[in-house]
């Protein structure tokens, strides 16, 4: 009987040891938070930022959506970007328009209401009429749901094309201000992330993927300058110039409020 009891105790101890091993092995620390990840969570914050920037720069394409605040103006954007251009929608100050850039060719598309408002006597450089003598309503009807090619020399070209420039946008957005430190772990769109912070958060935060390539997935800009989601990394999309019958000549400078 004593031998039987001893064998039973030994079996119970073996089972307990196996259970402890499954919960951390040495009984001292619980689950490894980096188990099954790409390992960047173990790195110093500066190296996490470097890896994220490198992954973003090497990606062929990305979708960028959210809000940007720049020079006192708030833009709501939903853009798909790659090396040779981009396409998507931008909203600002009650106006919504689409942008399409293929190489250096930049197009703007909006409804009649957008053009009627922008070419009214109180806005834009047209003072109510374009070079053909059409008033705001006439211009709106002509341009409704059509693409307008923005000339490279137009003052709006640089600002609008910047919203379609993958390299320019990412270089400008991904920088954090102040000393960089590691923040909390979390999830963005169901993907595990590690957060890095500039200036303990006041200089912006960046959530970096812990799964697959360390792409940046969410950015909160310093000073309340917007929150941006970055998704569809390396997912290609069609980018072609509009057909000729979809493009009309605006005949003057793009309204400055665009």
C-alpha atoms as a PDB file:
ATOM      1  CA  UNK A   1       0.000   0.000   0.000  1.00  0.00           C
ATOM      2  CA  UNK A   2       2.821   2.351   0.905  1.00  0.00           C
ATOM      3  CA  UNK A   3       4.529   1.669  -2.428  1.00  0.00           C
ATOM      4  CA  UNK A   4       1.291   2.370  -4.247  1.00  0.00           C
ATOM      5  CA  UNK A   5       0.813   5.703  -2.433  1.00  0.00           C
ATOM      6  CA  UNK A   6       4.383   6.713  -3.191  1.00  0.00           C
ATOM      7  CA  UNK A   7       3.852   5.962  -6.882  1.00  0.00           C
ATOM      8  CA  UNK A   8       0.644   8.016  -6.884  1.00  0.00           C
ATOM      9  CA  UNK A   9       2.374  11.019  -5.302  1.00  0.00           C
ATOM     10  CA  UNK A  10       5.210  10.743  -7.810  1.00  0.00           C
ATOM     11  CA  UNK A  11       2.740  10.712 -10.693  1.00  0.00           C
ATOM     12  CA  UNK A  12       0.955  13.776  -9.301  1.00  0.00           C
ATOM     13  CA  UNK A  13       4.243  15.648  -8.918  1.00  0.00           C
ATOM     14  CA  UNK A  14       5.217  14.777 -12.490  1.00  0.00           C
ATOM     15  CA  UNK A  15       1.887  16.112 -13.759  1.00  0.00           C
ATOM     16  CA  UNK A  16       2.270  19.302 -11.724  1.00  0.00           C
ATOM     17  CA  UNK A  17       5.791  19.823 -13.075  1.00  0.00           C
ATOM     18  CA  UNK A  18       4.536  19.438 -16.631  1.00  0.00           C
ATOM     19  CA  UNK A  19       1.754  21.966 -15.987  1.00  0.00           C
ATOM     20  CA  UNK A  20       4.224  24.486 -14.553  1.00  0.00           C
ATOM     21  CA  UNK A  21       6.504  23.986 -17.532  1.00  0.00           C
ATOM     22  CA  UNK A  22       3.607  24.781 -19.846  1.00  0.00           C
ATOM     23  CA  UNK A  23       3.010  28.031 -17.945  1.00  0.00           C
ATOM     24  CA  UNK A  24       6.519  29.329 -18.134  1.00  0.00           C
ATOM     25  CA  UNK A  25       8.901  26.537 -17.277  1.00  0.00           C
ATOM     26  CA  UNK A  26      10.743  28.073 -14.345  1.00  0.00           C
ATOM     27  CA  UNK A  27       7.569  29.324 -12.651  1.00  0.00           C
ATOM     28  CA  UNK A  28       8.916  32.860 -12.607  1.00  0.00           C
ATOM     29  CA  UNK A  29       7.418  34.930 -15.406  1.00  0.00           C
ATOM     30  CA  UNK A  30       4.286  33.806 -17.258  1.00  0.00           C
ATOM     31  CA  UNK A  31       3.951  33.964 -21.047  1.00  0.00           C
ATOM     32  CA  UNK A  32       6.621  35.497 -23.230  1.00  0.00           C
ATOM     33  CA  UNK A  33       4.963  38.605 -24.776  1.00  0.00           C
ATOM     34  CA  UNK A  34       7.200  38.244 -27.836  1.00  0.00           C
ATOM     35  CA  UNK A  35       6.325  34.615 -28.534  1.00  0.00           C
ATOM     36  CA  UNK A  36       5.140  34.296 -32.127  1.00  0.00           C
ATOM     37  CA  UNK A  37       6.002  37.904 -33.028  1.00  0.00           C
ATOM     38  CA  UNK A  38       8.574  39.384 -35.395  1.00  0.00           C
ATOM     39  CA  UNK A  39      10.769  40.208 -32.400  1.00  0.00           C
ATOM     40  CA  UNK A  40      10.879  43.995 -32.709  1.00  0.00           C
ATOM     41  CA  UNK A  41       9.195  44.346 -29.325  1.00  0.00           C
ATOM     42  CA  UNK A  42      12.487  43.302 -27.728  1.00  0.00           C
ATOM     43  CA  UNK A  43      14.406  46.131 -29.387  1.00  0.00           C
ATOM     44  CA  UNK A  44      15.128  49.623 -28.053  1.00  0.00           C
ATOM     45  CA  UNK A  45      12.600  52.235 -29.142  1.00  0.00           C
ATOM     46  CA  UNK A  46      15.009  53.932 -31.568  1.00  0.00           C
ATOM     47  CA  UNK A  47      15.613  50.641 -33.364  1.00  0.00           C
ATOM     48  CA  UNK A  48      11.877  49.924 -33.529  1.00  0.00           C
ATOM     49  CA  UNK A  49      11.408  53.305 -35.198  1.00  0.00           C
ATOM     50  CA  UNK A  50      14.260  52.576 -37.604  1.00  0.00           C
ATOM     51  CA  UNK A  51      12.829  49.163 -38.534  1.00  0.00           C
ATOM     52  CA  UNK A  52       9.375  50.660 -39.081  1.00  0.00           C
ATOM     53  CA  UNK A  53      10.723  53.408 -41.330  1.00  0.00           C
ATOM     54  CA  UNK A  54      12.762  50.899 -43.313  1.00  0.00           C
ATOM     55  CA  UNK A  55       9.754  48.591 -43.796  1.00  0.00           C
ATOM     56  CA  UNK A  56       7.563  51.528 -44.863  1.00  0.00           C
ATOM     57  CA  UNK A  57      10.141  52.799 -47.324  1.00  0.00           C
ATOM     58  CA  UNK A  58      10.562  49.393 -48.927  1.00  0.00           C
ATOM     59  CA  UNK A  59       6.825  48.741 -49.335  1.00  0.00           C
ATOM     60  CA  UNK A  60       5.420  49.119 -52.847  1.00  0.00           C
ATOM     61  CA  UNK A  61       2.099  50.571 -51.701  1.00  0.00           C
ATOM     62  CA  UNK A  62       0.080  51.699 -48.685  1.00  0.00           C
ATOM     63  CA  UNK A  63      -3.361  53.034 -47.793  1.00  0.00           C
ATOM     64  CA  UNK A  64      -3.346  56.102 -45.578  1.00  0.00           C
ATOM     65  CA  UNK A  65      -6.531  57.318 -43.908  1.00  0.00           C
ATOM     66  CA  UNK A  66      -7.530  59.652 -41.109  1.00  0.00           C
ATOM     67  CA  UNK A  67      -7.058  63.321 -40.309  1.00  0.00           C
ATOM     68  CA  UNK A  68      -4.143  65.664 -40.949  1.00  0.00           C
ATOM     69  CA  UNK A  69      -3.931  69.137 -39.474  1.00  0.00           C
ATOM     70  CA  UNK A  70      -1.463  71.413 -41.227  1.00  0.00           C
ATOM     71  CA  UNK A  71      -1.140  75.204 -41.308  1.00  0.00           C
ATOM     72  CA  UNK A  72      -4.414  75.545 -39.421  1.00  0.00           C
ATOM     73  CA  UNK A  73      -6.384  73.454 -41.906  1.00  0.00           C
ATOM     74  CA  UNK A  74      -7.794  69.984 -41.205  1.00  0.00           C
ATOM     75  CA  UNK A  75      -7.780  67.435 -44.021  1.00  0.00           C
ATOM     76  CA  UNK A  76      -9.691  64.184 -43.852  1.00  0.00           C
ATOM     77  CA  UNK A  77      -7.880  61.845 -46.199  1.00  0.00           C
ATOM     78  CA  UNK A  78      -8.286  58.364 -47.601  1.00  0.00           C
ATOM     79  CA  UNK A  79      -5.455  57.817 -50.072  1.00  0.00           C
ATOM     80  CA  UNK A  80      -3.808  54.831 -51.711  1.00  0.00           C
ATOM     81  CA  UNK A  81      -0.198  55.546 -52.555  1.00  0.00           C
ATOM     82  CA  UNK A  82       2.721  54.021 -54.409  1.00  0.00           C
ATOM     83  CA  UNK A  83       5.965  55.174 -55.979  1.00  0.00           C
ATOM     84  CA  UNK A  84       4.545  56.613 -59.202  1.00  0.00           C
ATOM     85  CA  UNK A  85       1.407  58.242 -57.850  1.00  0.00           C
ATOM     86  CA  UNK A  86      -1.702  57.889 -55.782  1.00  0.00           C
ATOM     87  CA  UNK A  87      -5.467  58.141 -55.726  1.00  0.00           C
ATOM     88  CA  UNK A  88      -8.140  58.829 -53.161  1.00  0.00           C
ATOM     89  CA  UNK A  89     -10.440  61.325 -51.509  1.00  0.00           C
ATOM     90  CA  UNK A  90      -9.751  64.469 -49.508  1.00  0.00           C
ATOM     91  CA  UNK A  91     -12.181  66.561 -47.466  1.00  0.00           C
ATOM     92  CA  UNK A  92     -11.420  69.981 -46.007  1.00  0.00           C
ATOM     93  CA  UNK A  93     -13.502  72.921 -44.818  1.00  0.00           C
ATOM     94  CA  UNK A  94     -16.748  71.398 -46.036  1.00  0.00           C
ATOM     95  CA  UNK A  95     -15.422  70.507 -49.468  1.00  0.00           C
ATOM     96  CA  UNK A  96     -14.717  67.016 -50.780  1.00  0.00           C
ATOM     97  CA  UNK A  97     -12.732  66.156 -53.871  1.00  0.00           C
ATOM     98  CA  UNK A  98     -10.801  63.291 -55.402  1.00  0.00           C
ATOM     99  CA  UNK A  99      -7.141  63.363 -56.337  1.00  0.00           C
ATOM    100  CA  UNK A 100      -5.376  61.209 -58.901  1.00  0.00           C
ATOM    101  CA  UNK A 101      -1.704  61.469 -59.766  1.00  0.00           C
ATOM    102  CA  UNK A 102      -0.024  59.334 -62.410  1.00  0.00           C
ATOM    103  CA  UNK A 103       3.638  60.252 -62.659  1.00  0.00           C
ATOM    104  CA  UNK A 104       3.720  64.057 -62.797  1.00  0.00           C
ATOM    105  CA  UNK A 105       0.156  64.364 -64.100  1.00  0.00           C
ATOM    106  CA  UNK A 106      -2.189  65.474 -61.328  1.00  0.00           C
ATOM    107  CA  UNK A 107      -5.982  65.484 -61.643  1.00  0.00           C
ATOM    108  CA  UNK A 108      -8.700  66.826 -59.374  1.00  0.00           C
ATOM    109  CA  UNK A 109     -12.311  65.633 -59.532  1.00  0.00           C
ATOM    110  CA  UNK A 110     -15.319  67.045 -57.709  1.00  0.00           C
ATOM    111  CA  UNK A 111     -19.043  67.606 -58.060  1.00  0.00           C
ATOM    112  CA  UNK A 112     -20.766  70.755 -59.315  1.00  0.00           C
ATOM    113  CA  UNK A 113     -21.339  72.023 -55.779  1.00  0.00           C
ATOM    114  CA  UNK A 114     -17.605  72.061 -55.077  1.00  0.00           C
ATOM    115  CA  UNK A 115     -16.802  74.161 -58.140  1.00  0.00           C
ATOM    116  CA  UNK A 116     -19.794  76.484 -57.718  1.00  0.00           C
ATOM    117  CA  UNK A 117     -18.700  77.246 -54.164  1.00  0.00           C
ATOM    118  CA  UNK A 118     -15.021  77.601 -54.970  1.00  0.00           C
ATOM    119  CA  UNK A 119     -15.583  79.902 -57.928  1.00  0.00           C
ATOM    120  CA  UNK A 120     -18.119  82.134 -56.201  1.00  0.00           C
ATOM    121  CA  UNK A 121     -17.344  85.820 -55.800  1.00  0.00           C
ATOM    122  CA  UNK A 122     -16.140  85.241 -52.229  1.00  0.00           C
ATOM    123  CA  UNK A 123     -13.661  82.449 -52.912  1.00  0.00           C
ATOM    124  CA  UNK A 124     -10.921  81.446 -55.277  1.00  0.00           C
ATOM    125  CA  UNK A 125      -9.105  83.581 -57.779  1.00  0.00           C
ATOM    126  CA  UNK A 126     -11.856  83.508 -60.384  1.00  0.00           C
ATOM    127  CA  UNK A 127     -14.027  86.246 -58.781  1.00  0.00           C
ATOM    128  CA  UNK A 128     -17.113  84.462 -60.081  1.00  0.00           C
ATOM    129  CA  UNK A 129     -16.046  83.884 -63.669  1.00  0.00           C
ATOM    130  CA  UNK A 130     -13.444  81.771 -65.418  1.00  0.00           C
ATOM    131  CA  UNK A 131     -11.398  82.856 -68.416  1.00  0.00           C
ATOM    132  CA  UNK A 132     -14.192  81.813 -70.739  1.00  0.00           C
ATOM    133  CA  UNK A 133     -16.613  84.183 -68.988  1.00  0.00           C
ATOM    134  CA  UNK A 134     -18.652  81.467 -67.281  1.00  0.00           C
ATOM    135  CA  UNK A 135     -20.005  82.215 -63.833  1.00  0.00           C
ATOM    136  CA  UNK A 136     -19.659  79.840 -60.872  1.00  0.00           C
ATOM    137  CA  UNK A 137     -22.812  77.872 -61.651  1.00  0.00           C
ATOM    138  CA  UNK A 138     -21.813  77.438 -65.285  1.00  0.00           C
ATOM    139  CA  UNK A 139     -18.351  76.244 -64.306  1.00  0.00           C
ATOM    140  CA  UNK A 140     -19.877  73.833 -61.813  1.00  0.00           C
ATOM    141  CA  UNK A 141     -22.116  72.279 -64.465  1.00  0.00           C
ATOM    142  CA  UNK A 142     -19.208  71.929 -66.873  1.00  0.00           C
ATOM    143  CA  UNK A 143     -16.862  70.348 -64.333  1.00  0.00           C
ATOM    144  CA  UNK A 144     -19.363  68.188 -62.459  1.00  0.00           C
ATOM    145  CA  UNK A 145     -17.796  64.772 -61.836  1.00  0.00           C
ATOM    146  CA  UNK A 146     -15.031  65.452 -64.379  1.00  0.00           C
ATOM    147  CA  UNK A 147     -11.287  65.376 -63.947  1.00  0.00           C
ATOM    148  CA  UNK A 148      -9.450  68.692 -64.111  1.00  0.00           C
ATOM    149  CA  UNK A 149      -5.742  68.477 -64.844  1.00  0.00           C
ATOM    150  CA  UNK A 150      -3.778  70.671 -62.446  1.00  0.00           C
ATOM    151  CA  UNK A 151      -0.899  72.432 -64.244  1.00  0.00           C
ATOM    152  CA  UNK A 152       2.529  71.922 -62.684  1.00  0.00           C
ATOM    153  CA  UNK A 153       2.940  75.710 -62.454  1.00  0.00           C
ATOM    154  CA  UNK A 154      -0.357  76.162 -60.623  1.00  0.00           C
ATOM    155  CA  UNK A 155       0.188  77.303 -56.999  1.00  0.00           C
ATOM    156  CA  UNK A 156      -2.031  74.448 -55.810  1.00  0.00           C
ATOM    157  CA  UNK A 157       0.001  71.768 -57.585  1.00  0.00           C
ATOM    158  CA  UNK A 158       2.690  71.349 -54.949  1.00  0.00           C
ATOM    159  CA  UNK A 159       0.245  71.198 -52.042  1.00  0.00           C
ATOM    160  CA  UNK A 160      -2.199  68.820 -53.719  1.00  0.00           C
ATOM    161  CA  UNK A 161       0.424  66.556 -55.276  1.00  0.00           C
ATOM    162  CA  UNK A 162       2.015  66.211 -51.845  1.00  0.00           C
ATOM    163  CA  UNK A 163      -1.108  64.363 -50.712  1.00  0.00           C
ATOM    164  CA  UNK A 164      -0.419  61.750 -53.407  1.00  0.00           C
ATOM    165  CA  UNK A 165       3.322  61.362 -52.774  1.00  0.00           C
ATOM    166  CA  UNK A 166       4.104  58.218 -50.779  1.00  0.00           C
ATOM    167  CA  UNK A 167       7.712  59.067 -49.960  1.00  0.00           C
ATOM    168  CA  UNK A 168       7.008  62.683 -49.063  1.00  0.00           C
ATOM    169  CA  UNK A 169       4.037  61.850 -46.850  1.00  0.00           C
ATOM    170  CA  UNK A 170       5.670  58.975 -44.994  1.00  0.00           C
ATOM    171  CA  UNK A 171       8.920  60.851 -44.408  1.00  0.00           C
ATOM    172  CA  UNK A 172       6.971  63.758 -42.985  1.00  0.00           C
ATOM    173  CA  UNK A 173       4.489  61.759 -40.944  1.00  0.00           C
ATOM    174  CA  UNK A 174       6.565  59.025 -39.352  1.00  0.00           C
ATOM    175  CA  UNK A 175       8.991  61.278 -37.470  1.00  0.00           C
ATOM    176  CA  UNK A 176       8.466  61.508 -33.699  1.00  0.00           C
ATOM    177  CA  UNK A 177       9.616  64.539 -31.708  1.00  0.00           C
ATOM    178  CA  UNK A 178      11.722  64.409 -28.561  1.00  0.00           C
ATOM    179  CA  UNK A 179      13.352  61.424 -26.918  1.00  0.00           C
ATOM    180  CA  UNK A 180      11.878  58.140 -28.132  1.00  0.00           C
ATOM    181  CA  UNK A 181      10.698  55.540 -25.625  1.00  0.00           C
ATOM    182  CA  UNK A 182       8.729  52.299 -25.703  1.00  0.00           C
ATOM    183  CA  UNK A 183       5.077  52.396 -24.704  1.00  0.00           C
ATOM    184  CA  UNK A 184       2.361  49.779 -24.328  1.00  0.00           C
ATOM    185  CA  UNK A 185       1.534  46.781 -26.425  1.00  0.00           C
ATOM    186  CA  UNK A 186      -1.847  46.681 -28.090  1.00  0.00           C
ATOM    187  CA  UNK A 187      -3.659  45.861 -31.321  1.00  0.00           C
ATOM    188  CA  UNK A 188      -4.561  47.815 -34.439  1.00  0.00           C
ATOM    189  CA  UNK A 189      -7.088  46.193 -36.733  1.00  0.00           C
ATOM    190  CA  UNK A 190      -6.580  42.886 -34.931  1.00  0.00           C
ATOM    191  CA  UNK A 191      -2.794  42.962 -35.423  1.00  0.00           C
ATOM    192  CA  UNK A 192      -0.543  42.964 -32.352  1.00  0.00           C
ATOM    193  CA  UNK A 193       1.515  46.128 -32.013  1.00  0.00           C
ATOM    194  CA  UNK A 194       4.158  47.832 -29.916  1.00  0.00           C
ATOM    195  CA  UNK A 195       3.875  51.583 -29.340  1.00  0.00           C
ATOM    196  CA  UNK A 196       6.803  53.977 -29.416  1.00  0.00           C
ATOM    197  CA  UNK A 197       6.481  57.533 -28.128  1.00  0.00           C
ATOM    198  CA  UNK A 198       8.197  60.813 -28.781  1.00  0.00           C
ATOM    199  CA  UNK A 199       8.644  62.971 -25.696  1.00  0.00           C
ATOM    200  CA  UNK A 200       6.681  60.469 -23.583  1.00  0.00           C
ATOM    201  CA  UNK A 201       3.763  60.900 -25.979  1.00  0.00           C
ATOM    202  CA  UNK A 202       3.663  64.672 -26.413  1.00  0.00           C
ATOM    203  CA  UNK A 203       5.880  64.306 -29.486  1.00  0.00           C
ATOM    204  CA  UNK A 204       3.554  61.795 -31.137  1.00  0.00           C
ATOM    205  CA  UNK A 205       3.088  58.039 -30.957  1.00  0.00           C
ATOM    206  CA  UNK A 206       3.539  55.263 -33.488  1.00  0.00           C
ATOM    207  CA  UNK A 207       2.067  51.753 -33.272  1.00  0.00           C
ATOM    208  CA  UNK A 208       4.298  49.234 -35.045  1.00  0.00           C
ATOM    209  CA  UNK A 209       3.234  45.760 -36.143  1.00  0.00           C
ATOM    210  CA  UNK A 210       4.547  42.797 -34.167  1.00  0.00           C
ATOM    211  CA  UNK A 211       3.360  40.434 -36.885  1.00  0.00           C
ATOM    212  CA  UNK A 212       5.146  39.949 -40.185  1.00  0.00           C
ATOM    213  CA  UNK A 213       7.070  42.995 -41.330  1.00  0.00           C
ATOM    214  CA  UNK A 214       7.246  45.798 -38.739  1.00  0.00           C
ATOM    215  CA  UNK A 215       5.035  48.205 -40.641  1.00  0.00           C
ATOM    216  CA  UNK A 216       3.724  51.327 -38.876  1.00  0.00           C
ATOM    217  CA  UNK A 217      -0.031  50.862 -38.464  1.00  0.00           C
ATOM    218  CA  UNK A 218      -1.237  53.895 -36.540  1.00  0.00           C
ATOM    219  CA  UNK A 219       0.233  57.347 -36.006  1.00  0.00           C
ATOM    220  CA  UNK A 220      -0.894  60.010 -33.584  1.00  0.00           C
ATOM    221  CA  UNK A 221       0.852  63.228 -34.568  1.00  0.00           C
ATOM    222  CA  UNK A 222       2.393  65.621 -32.079  1.00  0.00           C
ATOM    223  CA  UNK A 223       0.386  68.604 -30.916  1.00  0.00           C
ATOM    224  CA  UNK A 224      -2.988  67.131 -31.840  1.00  0.00           C
ATOM    225  CA  UNK A 225      -2.128  67.361 -35.540  1.00  0.00           C
ATOM    226  CA  UNK A 226      -4.155  64.317 -36.496  1.00  0.00           C
ATOM    227  CA  UNK A 227      -4.424  60.537 -36.267  1.00  0.00           C
ATOM    228  CA  UNK A 228      -3.563  58.393 -39.269  1.00  0.00           C
ATOM    229  CA  UNK A 229      -4.117  54.697 -39.977  1.00  0.00           C
ATOM    230  CA  UNK A 230      -1.752  52.926 -42.356  1.00  0.00           C
ATOM    231  CA  UNK A 231      -2.968  49.703 -43.943  1.00  0.00           C
ATOM    232  CA  UNK A 232      -2.828  47.531 -47.063  1.00  0.00           C
ATOM    233  CA  UNK A 233       0.958  47.597 -47.053  1.00  0.00           C
ATOM    234  CA  UNK A 234       2.443  46.183 -50.264  1.00  0.00           C
ATOM    235  CA  UNK A 235      -1.012  45.640 -51.803  1.00  0.00           C
ATOM    236  CA  UNK A 236      -0.854  46.933 -55.362  1.00  0.00           C
ATOM    237  CA  UNK A 237      -3.736  48.815 -56.981  1.00  0.00           C
ATOM    238  CA  UNK A 238      -4.463  50.105 -60.509  1.00  0.00           C
ATOM    239  CA  UNK A 239      -3.264  53.601 -61.302  1.00  0.00           C
ATOM    240  CA  UNK A 240      -4.118  54.916 -64.763  1.00  0.00           C
ATOM    241  CA  UNK A 241      -4.800  58.335 -66.236  1.00  0.00           C
ATOM    242  CA  UNK A 242      -8.455  59.121 -66.945  1.00  0.00           C
ATOM    243  CA  UNK A 243      -9.801  58.817 -70.464  1.00  0.00           C
ATOM    244  CA  UNK A 244      -9.712  61.996 -72.559  1.00  0.00           C
ATOM    245  CA  UNK A 245     -13.482  62.372 -72.494  1.00  0.00           C
ATOM    246  CA  UNK A 246     -13.357  62.418 -68.683  1.00  0.00           C
ATOM    247  CA  UNK A 247     -10.957  65.389 -68.550  1.00  0.00           C
ATOM    248  CA  UNK A 248     -11.956  69.023 -69.025  1.00  0.00           C
ATOM    249  CA  UNK A 249      -9.944  72.241 -69.059  1.00  0.00           C
ATOM    250  CA  UNK A 250     -10.703  74.497 -66.110  1.00  0.00           C
ATOM    251  CA  UNK A 251      -9.229  77.467 -67.943  1.00  0.00           C
ATOM    252  CA  UNK A 252      -7.735  79.237 -64.916  1.00  0.00           C
ATOM    253  CA  UNK A 253      -5.861  78.810 -61.666  1.00  0.00           C
ATOM    254  CA  UNK A 254      -7.236  76.160 -59.307  1.00  0.00           C
ATOM    255  CA  UNK A 255      -9.100  77.952 -56.486  1.00  0.00           C
ATOM    256  CA  UNK A 256      -6.710  78.819 -53.659  1.00  0.00           C
ATOM    257  CA  UNK A 257      -9.054  77.426 -51.001  1.00  0.00           C
ATOM    258  CA  UNK A 258      -8.745  73.883 -52.351  1.00  0.00           C
END
